[in-house]
Protein backbone atom coordinates (compact mmCIF):
# COMPACT_ATOMS: atom_id res chain seq x y z
CA MET A 1 5.24 -12.85 -88.34
CA SER A 2 5.28 -12.20 -92.07
CA HIS A 3 2.16 -11.47 -94.09
CA GLY A 4 2.37 -14.88 -95.74
CA GLN A 5 2.78 -16.66 -92.43
CA HIS A 6 -0.11 -14.73 -90.93
CA GLU A 7 -2.29 -15.53 -93.92
CA ALA A 8 -1.50 -19.22 -93.56
CA THR A 9 -2.07 -19.36 -89.81
CA SER A 10 -4.92 -16.89 -89.47
CA ILE A 11 -7.15 -18.45 -92.12
CA PHE A 12 -10.12 -19.42 -90.06
CA ILE A 13 -8.32 -18.51 -86.85
CA LEU A 14 -5.77 -21.29 -86.68
CA SER A 15 -7.99 -23.52 -88.84
CA LEU A 16 -10.87 -25.45 -87.38
CA ARG A 17 -10.02 -28.22 -89.78
CA THR A 18 -6.65 -29.10 -88.30
CA VAL A 19 -6.64 -28.09 -84.63
CA VAL A 20 -7.50 -30.77 -82.08
CA VAL A 21 -9.08 -29.35 -78.96
CA SER A 22 -7.65 -30.59 -75.65
CA LEU A 23 -9.38 -29.87 -72.38
CA LEU A 24 -7.63 -27.39 -70.18
CA CYS A 25 -6.25 -28.51 -66.87
CA ALA A 26 -8.46 -28.00 -63.85
CA GLY A 27 -7.82 -24.85 -61.84
CA MET A 28 -6.59 -22.75 -64.78
CA PHE A 29 -9.69 -20.61 -65.01
CA THR A 30 -11.78 -18.21 -62.97
CA ALA A 31 -15.31 -19.47 -62.42
CA ILE A 32 -18.11 -17.55 -64.16
CA PRO A 33 -21.63 -17.88 -62.75
CA LEU A 34 -23.94 -20.26 -64.62
CA ALA A 35 -27.21 -18.53 -65.42
CA GLN A 36 -30.15 -20.27 -63.79
CA GLY A 37 -33.23 -21.58 -65.56
CA GLN A 38 -31.66 -22.00 -69.00
CA ASN A 39 -32.70 -25.05 -71.02
CA TYR A 40 -30.41 -26.20 -73.83
CA SER A 41 -31.53 -28.41 -76.71
CA ILE A 42 -30.07 -29.56 -80.02
CA LEU A 43 -32.34 -28.76 -82.96
CA HIS A 44 -30.22 -30.46 -85.62
CA THR A 45 -27.06 -32.54 -85.75
CA PHE A 46 -25.03 -32.38 -88.96
CA THR A 47 -23.92 -35.67 -90.44
CA GLY A 48 -21.07 -34.43 -92.63
CA TYR A 49 -20.56 -35.35 -96.27
CA SER A 50 -23.82 -35.01 -98.22
CA GLY A 51 -25.64 -33.80 -95.12
CA GLY A 52 -23.34 -30.82 -94.62
CA GLY A 53 -20.95 -30.19 -91.77
CA GLU A 54 -19.03 -27.53 -89.85
CA PRO A 55 -21.48 -24.64 -89.61
CA VAL A 56 -18.95 -21.90 -88.91
CA ALA A 57 -21.36 -18.96 -89.20
CA GLY A 58 -24.40 -18.15 -87.14
CA LEU A 59 -28.01 -18.35 -88.28
CA THR A 60 -30.27 -15.91 -90.11
CA MET A 61 -33.90 -15.73 -88.98
CA ALA A 62 -36.60 -15.56 -91.64
CA GLY A 63 -39.47 -15.72 -89.17
CA PRO A 64 -40.55 -17.65 -86.07
CA GLY A 65 -39.08 -21.14 -86.25
CA ASN A 66 -37.51 -20.55 -89.66
CA PHE A 67 -33.75 -20.18 -90.09
CA TYR A 68 -31.15 -20.13 -92.86
CA GLY A 69 -27.49 -20.97 -92.47
CA THR A 70 -24.34 -22.34 -94.09
CA THR A 71 -21.94 -25.21 -93.54
CA ALA A 72 -18.31 -24.74 -94.48
CA GLU A 73 -17.96 -28.38 -95.54
CA GLY A 74 -20.11 -31.19 -96.88
CA GLY A 75 -22.59 -31.20 -99.71
CA SER A 76 -22.29 -32.97 -103.05
CA GLN A 77 -18.74 -31.72 -103.66
CA ASP A 78 -17.66 -31.29 -100.02
CA ALA A 79 -17.39 -27.55 -100.72
CA GLY A 80 -20.07 -26.41 -98.29
CA THR A 81 -23.82 -25.87 -98.30
CA VAL A 82 -26.67 -23.45 -97.65
CA PHE A 83 -29.52 -24.87 -95.56
CA ASN A 84 -32.97 -24.08 -94.20
CA LEU A 85 -34.06 -25.28 -90.76
CA ARG A 86 -37.78 -25.05 -90.11
CA ARG A 87 -39.96 -26.01 -87.16
CA ALA A 88 -42.42 -28.78 -88.01
CA GLY A 89 -44.80 -29.58 -85.16
CA SER A 90 -42.68 -30.57 -82.18
CA GLY A 91 -39.60 -31.23 -84.33
CA TRP A 92 -37.35 -29.55 -86.87
CA ILE A 93 -36.69 -30.29 -90.56
CA LEU A 94 -33.44 -29.33 -92.27
CA THR A 95 -33.37 -28.91 -96.05
CA LEU A 96 -30.16 -28.40 -98.00
CA LEU A 97 -30.88 -25.64 -100.50
CA TYR A 98 -27.56 -25.64 -102.34
CA SER A 99 -24.24 -27.49 -102.47
CA PHE A 100 -21.29 -25.41 -103.65
CA GLN A 101 -19.31 -26.90 -106.48
CA GLY A 102 -15.93 -25.30 -105.80
CA GLY A 103 -13.36 -24.81 -108.55
CA VAL A 104 -13.03 -21.69 -110.66
CA LEU A 105 -16.72 -21.37 -111.54
CA ASP A 106 -18.23 -21.57 -108.06
CA GLY A 107 -17.28 -20.90 -104.46
CA SER A 108 -16.28 -23.16 -101.61
CA VAL A 109 -15.99 -22.90 -97.83
CA PRO A 110 -18.91 -20.56 -97.02
CA ASP A 111 -17.66 -19.37 -93.62
CA GLY A 112 -20.06 -16.44 -93.56
CA PRO A 113 -23.82 -16.31 -92.88
CA VAL A 114 -26.50 -15.46 -95.42
CA THR A 115 -28.44 -12.22 -95.70
CA ILE A 116 -32.06 -12.16 -96.84
CA GLY A 117 -32.33 -9.60 -99.63
CA PRO A 118 -35.29 -7.34 -100.44
CA ASP A 119 -36.24 -9.79 -103.20
CA GLY A 120 -36.39 -12.76 -100.81
CA SER A 121 -33.18 -14.28 -102.16
CA LEU A 122 -30.24 -15.26 -99.96
CA TYR A 123 -26.93 -13.43 -100.38
CA GLY A 124 -23.56 -14.49 -99.01
CA THR A 125 -19.88 -15.12 -99.61
CA THR A 126 -17.47 -18.04 -99.75
CA TYR A 127 -13.93 -17.85 -98.40
CA GLU A 128 -12.45 -19.90 -101.24
CA GLY A 129 -13.26 -20.96 -104.80
CA GLY A 130 -13.46 -18.78 -107.87
CA SER A 131 -10.50 -17.05 -109.47
CA VAL A 132 -7.07 -18.67 -109.35
CA GLU A 133 -5.10 -15.59 -108.25
CA CYS A 134 -5.29 -17.15 -104.77
CA ALA A 135 -4.07 -20.69 -104.08
CA GLU A 136 -7.53 -22.08 -103.26
CA GLY A 137 -9.49 -19.38 -105.03
CA CYS A 138 -10.14 -15.85 -103.77
CA GLY A 139 -13.81 -16.36 -102.92
CA ILE A 140 -17.09 -15.18 -104.37
CA VAL A 141 -20.28 -13.28 -103.60
CA TYR A 142 -23.36 -15.33 -104.45
CA LYS A 143 -27.12 -15.07 -104.68
CA LEU A 144 -29.45 -18.00 -104.03
CA ALA A 145 -32.94 -17.43 -105.44
CA PRO A 146 -35.96 -19.35 -104.11
CA PRO A 147 -38.05 -21.61 -106.34
CA ALA A 148 -40.77 -20.17 -108.51
CA ASN A 149 -44.16 -19.74 -106.82
CA PHE A 150 -45.68 -22.64 -108.72
CA CYS A 151 -43.19 -25.07 -107.16
CA ARG A 152 -44.69 -26.10 -103.80
CA SER A 153 -42.54 -29.07 -102.84
CA ALA A 154 -39.82 -28.75 -100.18
CA SER A 155 -37.45 -30.35 -102.69
CA CYS A 156 -37.91 -27.61 -105.30
CA PRO A 157 -34.46 -26.33 -106.30
CA TRP A 158 -33.00 -22.96 -105.39
CA THR A 159 -30.94 -21.28 -108.10
CA GLU A 160 -27.44 -19.98 -107.42
CA ALA A 161 -25.79 -17.14 -109.31
CA VAL A 162 -22.27 -15.85 -108.72
CA LEU A 163 -22.52 -12.08 -108.43
CA TYR A 164 -18.81 -11.42 -108.15
CA TYR A 165 -15.47 -13.25 -108.28
CA PHE A 166 -12.69 -11.71 -106.19
CA HIS A 167 -9.26 -11.48 -107.84
CA LYS A 168 -6.96 -10.74 -104.87
CA ALA A 169 -6.04 -7.25 -106.10
CA ASP A 170 -9.66 -6.23 -105.39
CA GLY A 171 -10.00 -8.32 -102.22
CA ALA A 172 -9.82 -11.96 -101.23
CA GLY A 173 -11.14 -14.32 -98.59
CA PRO A 174 -14.40 -12.79 -97.33
CA ALA A 175 -14.52 -14.56 -94.00
CA GLU A 176 -17.26 -14.40 -91.35
CA ALA A 177 -18.56 -11.16 -92.85
CA ARG A 178 -22.32 -10.81 -93.10
CA LEU A 179 -23.33 -8.80 -96.17
CA ILE A 180 -25.59 -5.79 -95.68
CA PHE A 181 -27.85 -3.84 -98.05
CA ASP A 182 -28.39 -0.11 -98.28
CA GLN A 183 -31.73 1.40 -99.29
CA ALA A 184 -30.65 1.56 -102.94
CA GLY A 185 -30.03 -2.20 -103.07
CA ASN A 186 -26.22 -2.09 -102.97
CA LEU A 187 -24.31 -4.77 -101.04
CA TYR A 188 -21.46 -4.08 -98.61
CA GLY A 189 -18.91 -6.41 -97.03
CA THR A 190 -15.25 -7.02 -96.25
CA THR A 191 -12.48 -9.30 -97.42
CA TYR A 192 -10.01 -10.67 -94.88
CA TYR A 193 -6.98 -10.15 -97.10
CA GLY A 194 -6.16 -9.01 -100.63
CA GLY A 195 -6.71 -5.56 -102.03
CA THR A 196 -4.08 -3.08 -103.18
CA ASN A 197 -1.94 -3.61 -100.09
CA GLY A 198 -2.84 -7.24 -99.34
CA TRP A 199 -4.31 -6.48 -95.90
CA GLY A 200 -8.03 -6.65 -96.66
CA THR A 201 -10.77 -4.41 -98.02
CA VAL A 202 -14.22 -2.96 -97.51
CA PHE A 203 -16.22 -3.33 -100.72
CA LYS A 204 -19.51 -2.42 -102.34
CA LEU A 205 -21.38 -4.28 -105.09
CA SER A 206 -23.96 -2.33 -107.10
CA PRO A 207 -26.60 -3.97 -109.31
CA SER A 208 -26.36 -2.77 -112.90
CA SER A 209 -28.18 -4.36 -115.85
CA GLY A 210 -27.84 -7.88 -114.50
CA THR A 211 -24.24 -7.48 -113.28
CA TRP A 212 -22.78 -6.48 -109.91
CA PRO A 213 -19.61 -4.42 -110.44
CA GLU A 214 -17.42 -3.94 -107.37
CA THR A 215 -16.15 -0.72 -105.85
CA VAL A 216 -13.41 -1.02 -103.22
CA LEU A 217 -14.35 1.56 -100.60
CA TYR A 218 -11.15 1.09 -98.62
CA ASN A 219 -7.87 -0.81 -98.86
CA PHE A 220 -6.31 -1.45 -95.45
CA GLY A 221 -2.66 -0.50 -95.38
CA GLY A 222 -1.37 -2.53 -92.45
CA GLY A 223 0.40 -1.10 -89.42
CA VAL A 224 -1.39 1.68 -87.52
CA ASP A 225 -4.11 1.68 -90.18
CA GLY A 226 -5.30 -1.76 -89.10
CA PHE A 227 -5.51 -4.95 -91.14
CA PHE A 228 -7.31 -8.27 -91.55
CA PRO A 229 -11.04 -7.40 -91.20
CA TRP A 230 -12.52 -10.80 -90.34
CA SER A 231 -16.08 -9.61 -89.69
CA GLY A 232 -18.38 -7.40 -91.72
CA VAL A 233 -19.61 -3.83 -91.39
CA ILE A 234 -22.77 -2.18 -90.06
CA PHE A 235 -24.55 1.07 -90.94
CA ASP A 236 -25.67 3.87 -88.67
CA SER A 237 -28.66 6.10 -89.43
CA ALA A 238 -26.42 8.65 -91.19
CA GLY A 239 -25.01 6.10 -93.64
CA ASN A 240 -21.61 5.64 -91.97
CA LEU A 241 -20.07 2.16 -91.85
CA TYR A 242 -18.42 0.62 -88.78
CA GLY A 243 -16.20 -2.44 -88.47
CA THR A 244 -13.14 -3.97 -86.81
CA THR A 245 -9.72 -5.26 -87.75
CA GLU A 246 -8.10 -8.25 -86.12
CA SER A 247 -4.64 -6.67 -86.12
CA GLY A 248 -2.85 -3.37 -86.51
CA GLY A 249 -3.63 -0.05 -84.93
CA ALA A 250 -1.49 2.08 -82.65
CA ASN A 251 -0.65 -0.92 -80.45
CA SER A 252 -0.81 -3.73 -83.04
CA ALA A 253 -3.80 -5.20 -81.19
CA GLY A 254 -6.67 -4.40 -83.57
CA THR A 255 -8.97 -1.48 -84.24
CA VAL A 256 -12.54 -0.26 -84.55
CA TYR A 257 -12.97 1.94 -87.63
CA GLU A 258 -15.55 4.13 -89.35
CA LEU A 259 -16.04 4.79 -93.07
CA SER A 260 -17.99 7.94 -93.90
CA PRO A 261 -19.35 8.87 -97.35
CA ILE A 262 -17.94 12.14 -98.61
CA GLY A 263 -18.92 13.24 -102.10
CA SER A 264 -18.28 10.33 -104.43
CA GLY A 265 -15.83 8.62 -102.07
CA TRP A 266 -15.36 7.45 -98.52
CA THR A 267 -13.03 8.56 -95.74
CA LYS A 268 -11.76 6.17 -93.05
CA SER A 269 -11.22 7.01 -89.39
CA THR A 270 -9.79 4.79 -86.67
CA LEU A 271 -12.15 5.20 -83.74
CA PHE A 272 -10.20 3.07 -81.30
CA SER A 273 -6.96 1.09 -81.11
CA PHE A 274 -6.85 -1.68 -78.49
CA ASN A 275 -3.86 -1.61 -76.15
CA GLY A 276 -3.12 -5.34 -76.19
CA GLY A 277 -3.38 -5.37 -72.40
CA SER A 278 -6.39 -4.66 -70.21
CA GLN A 279 -8.53 -3.62 -73.20
CA GLY A 280 -7.82 -6.86 -75.05
CA ASP A 281 -6.09 -7.93 -78.25
CA GLY A 282 -7.52 -9.12 -81.56
CA ALA A 283 -10.81 -7.45 -82.54
CA VAL A 284 -11.85 -10.37 -84.73
CA GLY A 285 -15.58 -10.13 -84.13
CA GLY A 286 -17.44 -7.11 -85.48
CA VAL A 287 -19.51 -4.52 -83.64
CA VAL A 288 -23.22 -3.83 -83.10
CA MET A 289 -24.82 -0.46 -82.33
CA ASP A 290 -27.58 0.35 -79.85
CA ALA A 291 -30.24 3.04 -80.24
CA LYS A 292 -27.98 5.64 -78.58
CA GLY A 293 -25.13 5.07 -81.04
CA ASN A 294 -22.91 3.07 -78.67
CA LEU A 295 -20.86 0.23 -80.18
CA TYR A 296 -20.39 -3.20 -78.58
CA GLY A 297 -17.87 -5.90 -79.45
CA GLY A 298 -15.21 -8.25 -78.13
CA THR A 299 -11.54 -9.20 -78.40
CA ILE A 300 -10.21 -12.75 -78.53
CA SER A 301 -7.27 -12.54 -76.12
CA GLU A 302 -5.48 -10.60 -73.37
CA GLY A 303 -7.52 -8.45 -71.00
CA SER A 304 -6.85 -8.59 -67.26
CA GLN A 305 -7.50 -12.35 -67.17
CA GLY A 306 -6.02 -13.32 -70.53
CA GLY A 307 -9.13 -14.60 -72.33
CA GLY A 308 -10.21 -11.47 -74.15
CA THR A 309 -12.77 -8.80 -73.37
CA ALA A 310 -16.30 -7.58 -74.02
CA TYR A 311 -16.41 -3.80 -74.47
CA GLU A 312 -18.54 -0.75 -75.19
CA LEU A 313 -17.44 2.33 -77.16
CA SER A 314 -19.47 5.48 -76.53
CA PRO A 315 -19.26 8.67 -78.64
CA SER A 316 -18.53 11.86 -76.68
CA ASN A 317 -17.44 15.22 -78.08
CA GLY A 318 -15.82 13.72 -81.15
CA GLN A 319 -14.06 10.97 -79.16
CA TRP A 320 -14.97 7.37 -78.37
CA ASN A 321 -14.76 6.27 -74.74
CA PHE A 322 -13.88 2.65 -73.95
CA THR A 323 -15.80 0.79 -71.22
CA LEU A 324 -14.80 -2.70 -70.19
CA LEU A 325 -17.92 -4.81 -69.79
CA ALA A 326 -16.19 -8.10 -68.95
CA ALA A 327 -12.75 -9.68 -68.87
CA LEU A 328 -12.83 -13.33 -69.91
CA PRO A 329 -10.76 -15.88 -67.97
CA ALA A 330 -7.65 -17.35 -69.58
CA ALA A 331 -9.42 -20.65 -70.25
CA TYR A 332 -11.84 -18.81 -72.49
CA GLU A 333 -11.47 -16.88 -75.75
CA GLY A 334 -13.41 -13.85 -76.86
CA PRO A 335 -15.93 -13.85 -79.72
CA LEU A 336 -15.10 -14.47 -83.38
CA ASP A 337 -18.36 -12.83 -84.44
CA SER A 338 -20.39 -9.75 -83.52
CA PRO A 339 -22.35 -9.77 -80.26
CA THR A 340 -26.15 -9.53 -80.10
CA LEU A 341 -28.15 -7.07 -77.99
CA ASP A 342 -31.62 -7.53 -76.54
CA ALA A 343 -34.16 -4.86 -75.59
CA ALA A 344 -33.05 -4.95 -71.93
CA GLY A 345 -29.46 -4.07 -72.81
CA ASN A 346 -28.02 -7.54 -72.32
CA VAL A 347 -25.11 -8.49 -74.57
CA TYR A 348 -24.85 -12.06 -75.92
CA LEU A 349 -21.68 -13.53 -77.35
CA THR A 350 -19.93 -16.84 -77.87
CA SER A 351 -16.55 -18.08 -76.68
CA LYS A 352 -15.01 -20.62 -79.04
CA GLN A 353 -12.74 -22.47 -76.63
CA ALA A 354 -14.19 -21.79 -73.19
CA LEU A 355 -12.98 -24.70 -71.05
CA GLY A 356 -12.11 -26.60 -74.23
CA ASN A 357 -15.41 -26.74 -76.10
CA GLY A 358 -16.82 -23.24 -75.90
CA ALA A 359 -19.72 -21.47 -74.24
CA VAL A 360 -22.59 -19.05 -74.80
CA LEU A 361 -22.16 -15.96 -72.61
CA GLU A 362 -24.39 -13.12 -71.45
CA VAL A 363 -23.13 -9.78 -70.15
CA SER A 364 -25.89 -8.00 -68.21
CA PRO A 365 -26.18 -4.56 -66.61
CA SER A 366 -26.00 -5.01 -62.82
CA ASP A 367 -25.89 -2.39 -60.03
CA GLY A 368 -24.18 0.21 -62.19
CA GLY A 369 -21.73 -2.33 -63.59
CA TRP A 370 -21.86 -5.50 -65.65
CA GLN A 371 -22.23 -9.18 -64.75
CA LEU A 372 -20.82 -11.97 -66.94
CA ASN A 373 -22.84 -15.21 -66.93
CA VAL A 374 -22.57 -18.54 -68.76
CA LEU A 375 -25.83 -19.50 -70.48
CA HIS A 376 -24.41 -22.83 -71.62
CA ALA A 377 -21.01 -24.53 -71.55
CA PHE A 378 -20.55 -27.11 -74.31
CA ASP A 379 -19.06 -30.49 -73.46
CA GLY A 380 -18.32 -31.81 -76.96
CA SER A 381 -21.17 -34.31 -77.05
CA ASP A 382 -23.68 -31.45 -77.32
CA GLY A 383 -21.51 -29.33 -79.60
CA SER A 384 -18.09 -27.71 -79.62
CA TRP A 385 -16.55 -24.46 -80.85
CA PRO A 386 -19.41 -21.95 -81.31
CA THR A 387 -17.64 -19.63 -83.74
CA GLY A 388 -20.69 -17.76 -85.05
CA GLY A 389 -22.81 -15.27 -83.16
CA VAL A 390 -26.30 -15.84 -81.76
CA ILE A 391 -29.79 -14.62 -82.64
CA LEU A 392 -32.83 -14.09 -80.41
CA ASP A 393 -36.52 -14.47 -81.14
CA ALA A 394 -39.36 -12.39 -79.72
CA SER A 395 -39.73 -14.76 -76.74
CA GLY A 396 -36.09 -14.39 -75.69
CA ASN A 397 -34.98 -17.79 -76.97
CA VAL A 398 -31.36 -17.86 -78.14
CA TYR A 399 -30.24 -19.77 -81.25
CA GLY A 400 -26.87 -20.57 -82.74
CA THR A 401 -24.49 -23.19 -84.11
CA THR A 402 -21.36 -25.02 -83.12
CA SER A 403 -18.88 -25.66 -85.88
CA LEU A 404 -17.73 -28.97 -84.36
CA GLY A 405 -18.91 -31.53 -81.83
CA GLY A 406 -22.32 -33.04 -81.35
CA PRO A 407 -23.51 -36.63 -81.23
CA ASN A 408 -22.81 -37.44 -84.89
CA ASN A 409 -19.07 -37.62 -85.58
CA GLY A 410 -18.41 -34.06 -84.49
CA ASN A 411 -19.83 -32.26 -87.54
CA GLY A 412 -21.56 -29.54 -85.54
CA VAL A 413 -25.10 -28.73 -84.39
CA VAL A 414 -27.81 -26.10 -84.40
CA TRP A 415 -28.95 -25.36 -80.85
CA GLU A 416 -31.56 -23.45 -78.85
CA ILE A 417 -31.43 -22.03 -75.32
CA THR A 418 -34.79 -21.20 -73.73
CA PRO A 419 -35.11 -19.13 -70.54
């Protein structure tokens, strides 16, 4: 497949906006145990249009019962929104904080989540909009500042500022990449394509006298180097960055990479190349790190059962050892976002197309191995296609979104699973 063809077909992983999900025939999957005692509820159903729709990314928690998120469509210009969902008594209230305007001056299609900055503002990216070097715009990095303290009403406006416009040569199409801050206040993220070689970038934005100039930390070269970083990067305690690429590597099945600061620059190492077989293919979702420095992630296809894998990479004497945590059945598909860990070592992830509509999965340590359980299987009426990751609160409740489905014309939902 050519670069142009891949760009056209990979944008939003075969495009949520055009693919019609059909239920898989009975008997084509291996049963996964359904976790007992899990209660599922819908916290909000998106209405589409002015109410926002298609929440591709997961949520960001600001505190107990207080979440921020994005919708890739809807809003005043149908270019996507940023929202707040807050518990109010026994119910929930959703407030749209901003509607993207699209075009060359603003972004559109915010596929990624928001990050709460040290100043209390929200920071994120849009996949499209902005500069015209790309057909639908190359995307932007934005800041959404809360209302002034004197404004007490829930309807008080938030103020958006575009921090950076991508221009293809310096990156394009930041996808489901959550931005992260370092201690100096710099922002880090990835673009799915663009850059010097056209295969994606890792970038840094540094605040400077009211502007945010960009530094490209790495341009992916394609081939064994890896390419198309869909998800973002994470830091370790030494300041190294870790991420994944959907494609490329020694076996053309995706990679896990590390960027390490050296002097005034960065050096990139490929920690692991998936084999496209038992280890899986397509490291679309990013990685998370536990307290021991082990990395966890997933692949979207292949594995011993054909539906992708959940894995652990452990550092040992300068090498990284691969451990298969779970092989997903062929009727499933591995995560499009990073997994989430809890204090007990359980790994939570989503499967976009499990049995047609998707599922929330838990991989738990069990008798020296790992057990894969289904926390909830979506049926369309209660949501469909959970493309973003999940978050947990202090009580062990799990929260997330589905980009489609739900009881209101299929525009997606925000959901909660309580143990």
